[in-house]
Structures are given as C-alpha cells and as structure tokens.
Amino acid sequence: GDDAGQFLRVNRALCLMFGRSAADFATAPMESWTYRDDIAVLRAWFARTVHEGSSQRLEKRFLHKSGRVIWASVSFSVVHGDADRPLHVIAQIEDISARRESDQALLDALQSERVAAAQMRELDAIRTRVLSNAAHDLRTPLTSASGFTELLLDGSAGEPTQEQREMLE
C-alpha cells in the first residue's frame, strides 16, 4: 500500500544505529535513507521477498543521518493475513560496517601482496639476466686467458723458466 517500505515500529537500537528518531522511520520510506546505488536492488529484493513470502537476507548500504555509509545485513520475513495475503514485513537489520571494512582491508592487503609478488618476480628476472650477462662477460676473457696460459705451459712459445712456470700455474 501507500505505507510500503515504511516502518510501523522500530526499536531503540535501530534509532541509534542510524542516528534517527522513531518518527523519522515512521514518516520516511526505507528508500530515503538507503544508499542511492542500492535503491534498485532493495526494491527488487523487497518485491521478491513479499512475492515468495519467505525470509530473505541482503547486505546493502544505508545512510546514517550524518551522511556516513552504514553497511547492514537485512533480513525480512513476511507476515501473512487472511487468504495468505502479505500484511507486514518484519525486518532485522544488523550493522556489519566493521566486518565490511575488515574484508576490504584484507582485499587491499591481498592486492598489495600480489603487486609486491609481481615486483619480486620482475626483480628476480632482472637479477637472473644481470648474473647471466656478467657470467658470460667474465667467462669469455677468462677462457681466452686460460687457453693462452695452457699454450705457454705446453711450451708452444718456447720452454718457460721455472719461475714463469710457477707463475703460469
């Protein structure tokens, strides 16, 4: 009816959670204190709950009277009247803002860890290339020097003196 989405009665905890009075809840539809991007989701979910007549749960954002966003877990149960006609809906609303913030902090930390791991893989690849290049650059002249040393020790350029042999060895 005309009062769809409005509260008939609320408890003190809900008033404190949203910084609103019981009169605020009685005179304004839920959509007026629902986070703007969640209004369409709320409408569809509420209609499905009433239509199916079963208990449904949804996590959505609301607005505190100060404008602060409150994440809440909302559970609706339909109360039926004569001829199984929906009369009222009982709502249970739980503030899950701290859990959502914690979940987001974990997701942010995971993303940071993924970025750090990618950077470590990149640095490891650079280290591997540098070591490979350094090893190659050092190996080439050492191979040449080693080859010439063997030729000198073999006497290819004349027989080395004892002192020269000791130095070449």
Protein backbone atom coordinates (compact mmCIF):
# COMPACT_ATOMS: atom_id res chain seq x y z
CA GLY A 1 0.00 0.00 0.00
CA ASP A 2 0.94 3.64 0.44
CA ASP A 3 2.99 2.84 3.51
CA ALA A 4 5.13 0.17 1.74
CA GLY A 5 8.73 0.43 2.81
CA GLN A 6 7.90 2.45 5.92
CA PHE A 7 8.41 1.24 9.44
CA LEU A 8 5.44 0.90 11.77
CA ARG A 9 7.60 0.31 14.84
CA VAL A 10 11.33 0.38 15.47
CA ASN A 11 13.50 -0.38 18.45
CA ARG A 12 15.99 1.95 20.14
CA ALA A 13 18.99 0.07 18.70
CA LEU A 14 17.90 0.86 15.13
CA CYS A 15 17.42 4.53 16.01
CA LEU A 16 20.93 4.66 17.48
CA MET A 17 22.43 2.77 14.54
CA PHE A 18 21.12 5.30 12.03
CA GLY A 19 21.08 8.43 14.20
CA ARG A 20 17.35 8.85 13.56
CA SER A 21 14.24 9.01 15.69
CA ALA A 22 11.39 6.51 15.59
CA ALA A 23 9.32 9.28 13.95
CA ASP A 24 11.92 9.54 11.16
CA PHE A 25 11.45 5.86 10.38
CA ALA A 26 7.64 6.10 10.56
CA THR A 27 7.40 9.06 8.16
CA ALA A 28 10.08 8.31 5.58
CA PRO A 29 10.29 5.21 3.36
CA MET A 30 13.36 2.98 3.63
CA GLU A 31 14.50 4.23 0.24
CA SER A 32 15.04 7.74 1.64
CA TRP A 33 17.84 6.50 3.90
CA THR A 34 19.13 3.82 1.56
CA TYR A 35 22.41 4.43 -0.24
CA ARG A 36 21.45 5.75 -3.69
CA ASP A 37 23.19 3.00 -5.71
CA ASP A 38 21.36 0.30 -3.69
CA ILE A 39 17.78 1.56 -4.16
CA ALA A 40 17.00 -0.55 -7.27
CA VAL A 41 18.49 -3.64 -5.63
CA LEU A 42 16.42 -3.00 -2.50
CA ARG A 43 13.17 -2.60 -4.49
CA ALA A 44 13.69 -5.81 -6.45
CA TRP A 45 14.74 -7.75 -3.37
CA PHE A 46 11.81 -6.47 -1.29
CA ALA A 47 9.30 -7.32 -4.06
CA ARG A 48 10.78 -10.83 -4.39
CA THR A 49 10.62 -11.32 -0.62
CA VAL A 50 6.94 -10.32 -0.46
CA HIS A 51 6.09 -12.32 -3.59
CA GLU A 52 7.85 -15.50 -2.44
CA GLY A 53 6.73 -14.99 1.15
CA SER A 54 9.95 -16.39 2.51
CA SER A 55 12.70 -15.00 4.65
CA GLN A 56 15.41 -13.30 2.62
CA ARG A 57 18.77 -11.79 3.58
CA LEU A 58 20.63 -8.97 1.82
CA GLU A 59 23.76 -6.94 2.53
CA LYS A 60 23.32 -3.33 1.50
CA ARG A 61 24.28 0.21 2.34
CA PHE A 62 22.23 2.70 4.31
CA LEU A 63 22.88 6.31 5.22
CA HIS A 64 23.29 7.47 8.79
CA LYS A 65 21.58 10.80 9.46
CA SER A 66 25.09 12.37 9.35
CA GLY A 67 25.59 11.04 5.80
CA ARG A 68 28.03 8.29 6.84
CA VAL A 69 27.54 4.99 4.98
CA ILE A 70 26.45 2.03 7.09
CA TRP A 71 26.74 -1.48 5.70
CA ALA A 72 23.95 -3.67 7.06
CA SER A 73 22.75 -7.22 6.79
CA VAL A 74 18.99 -7.03 6.35
CA SER A 75 16.69 -9.97 6.87
CA PHE A 76 12.98 -9.70 6.03
CA SER A 77 10.22 -12.12 6.94
CA VAL A 78 6.71 -11.71 5.60
CA VAL A 79 3.73 -11.83 8.00
CA HIS A 80 0.61 -13.10 6.22
CA GLY A 81 -3.02 -12.29 6.98
CA ASP A 82 -6.29 -13.65 5.66
CA ALA A 83 -6.14 -15.58 2.42
CA ASP A 84 -2.36 -15.70 2.74
CA ARG A 85 -2.19 -12.02 1.83
CA PRO A 86 1.04 -10.28 2.94
CA LEU A 87 0.26 -7.93 5.83
CA HIS A 88 3.60 -6.78 7.13
CA VAL A 89 7.26 -7.49 6.87
CA ILE A 90 9.44 -7.93 9.92
CA ALA A 91 12.95 -6.63 9.33
CA GLN A 92 16.09 -7.40 11.26
CA ILE A 93 18.94 -5.03 10.46
CA GLU A 94 22.48 -5.71 11.68
CA ASP A 95 25.33 -3.21 11.31
CA ILE A 96 28.15 -5.05 9.52
CA SER A 97 30.22 -1.97 8.67
CA ALA A 98 33.21 -3.13 10.75
CA ARG A 99 33.19 -6.54 9.04
CA ARG A 100 32.95 -4.96 5.59
CA GLU A 101 35.82 -2.58 6.43
CA SER A 102 37.85 -5.55 7.66
CA ASP A 103 37.03 -7.50 4.49
CA GLN A 104 38.06 -4.52 2.36
CA ALA A 105 41.30 -4.13 4.33
CA LEU A 106 42.05 -7.81 3.68
CA LEU A 107 41.31 -7.40 -0.03
CA ASP A 108 43.54 -4.32 -0.16
CA ALA A 109 46.33 -6.21 1.62
CA LEU A 110 45.94 -9.14 -0.78
CA GLN A 111 46.16 -6.78 -3.74
CA SER A 112 49.27 -5.14 -2.26
CA GLU A 113 50.80 -8.56 -1.74
CA ARG A 114 50.04 -9.52 -5.36
CA VAL A 115 51.69 -6.31 -6.58
CA ALA A 116 54.72 -6.93 -4.35
CA ALA A 117 54.98 -10.54 -5.57
CA ALA A 118 54.84 -9.37 -9.21
CA GLN A 119 57.56 -6.81 -8.47
CA MET A 120 59.67 -9.51 -6.80
CA ARG A 121 59.28 -11.77 -9.85
CA GLU A 122 60.32 -8.88 -12.09
CA LEU A 123 63.35 -8.10 -9.90
CA ASP A 124 64.30 -11.78 -9.84
CA ALA A 125 64.14 -11.91 -13.65
CA ILE A 126 66.36 -8.80 -13.84
CA ARG A 127 68.81 -10.33 -11.33
CA THR A 128 68.93 -13.54 -13.36
CA ARG A 129 69.65 -11.62 -16.60
CA VAL A 130 72.34 -9.49 -14.94
CA LEU A 131 74.08 -12.53 -13.44
CA SER A 132 73.84 -14.41 -16.72
CA ASN A 133 75.31 -11.48 -18.65
CA ALA A 134 78.03 -10.91 -16.05
CA ALA A 135 78.94 -14.61 -16.07
CA HIS A 136 79.11 -14.59 -19.87
CA ASP A 137 81.10 -11.34 -19.97
CA LEU A 138 83.61 -12.71 -17.43
CA ARG A 139 83.79 -16.21 -18.92
CA THR A 140 84.88 -15.07 -22.40
CA PRO A 141 88.10 -13.25 -21.41
CA LEU A 142 88.87 -15.88 -18.74
CA THR A 143 88.56 -18.65 -21.32
CA SER A 144 90.97 -16.81 -23.59
CA ALA A 145 93.43 -16.17 -20.74
CA SER A 146 93.18 -19.80 -19.63
CA GLY A 147 93.81 -21.01 -23.19
CA PHE A 148 96.88 -18.79 -23.62
CA THR A 149 98.19 -19.92 -20.22
CA GLU A 150 97.92 -23.57 -21.29
CA LEU A 151 99.74 -22.79 -24.56
CA LEU A 152 102.56 -21.13 -22.60
CA LEU A 153 102.75 -24.06 -20.16
CA ASP A 154 102.87 -26.53 -23.10
CA GLY A 155 105.93 -24.72 -24.42
CA SER A 156 104.27 -23.51 -27.64
CA ALA A 157 106.09 -20.19 -27.35
CA GLY A 158 109.27 -21.73 -26.02
CA GLU A 159 110.05 -23.52 -22.82
CA PRO A 160 109.13 -21.31 -19.78
CA THR A 161 111.62 -20.89 -16.97
CA GLN A 162 110.85 -22.48 -13.60
CA GLU A 163 109.78 -19.10 -12.23
CA GLN A 164 107.50 -18.47 -15.27
CA ARG A 165 106.02 -22.00 -14.95
CA GLU A 166 105.17 -21.37 -11.28
CA MET A 167 103.52 -18.04 -12.18
CA LEU A 168 101.53 -19.61 -15.04
CA GLU A 169 100.38 -22.49 -12.85
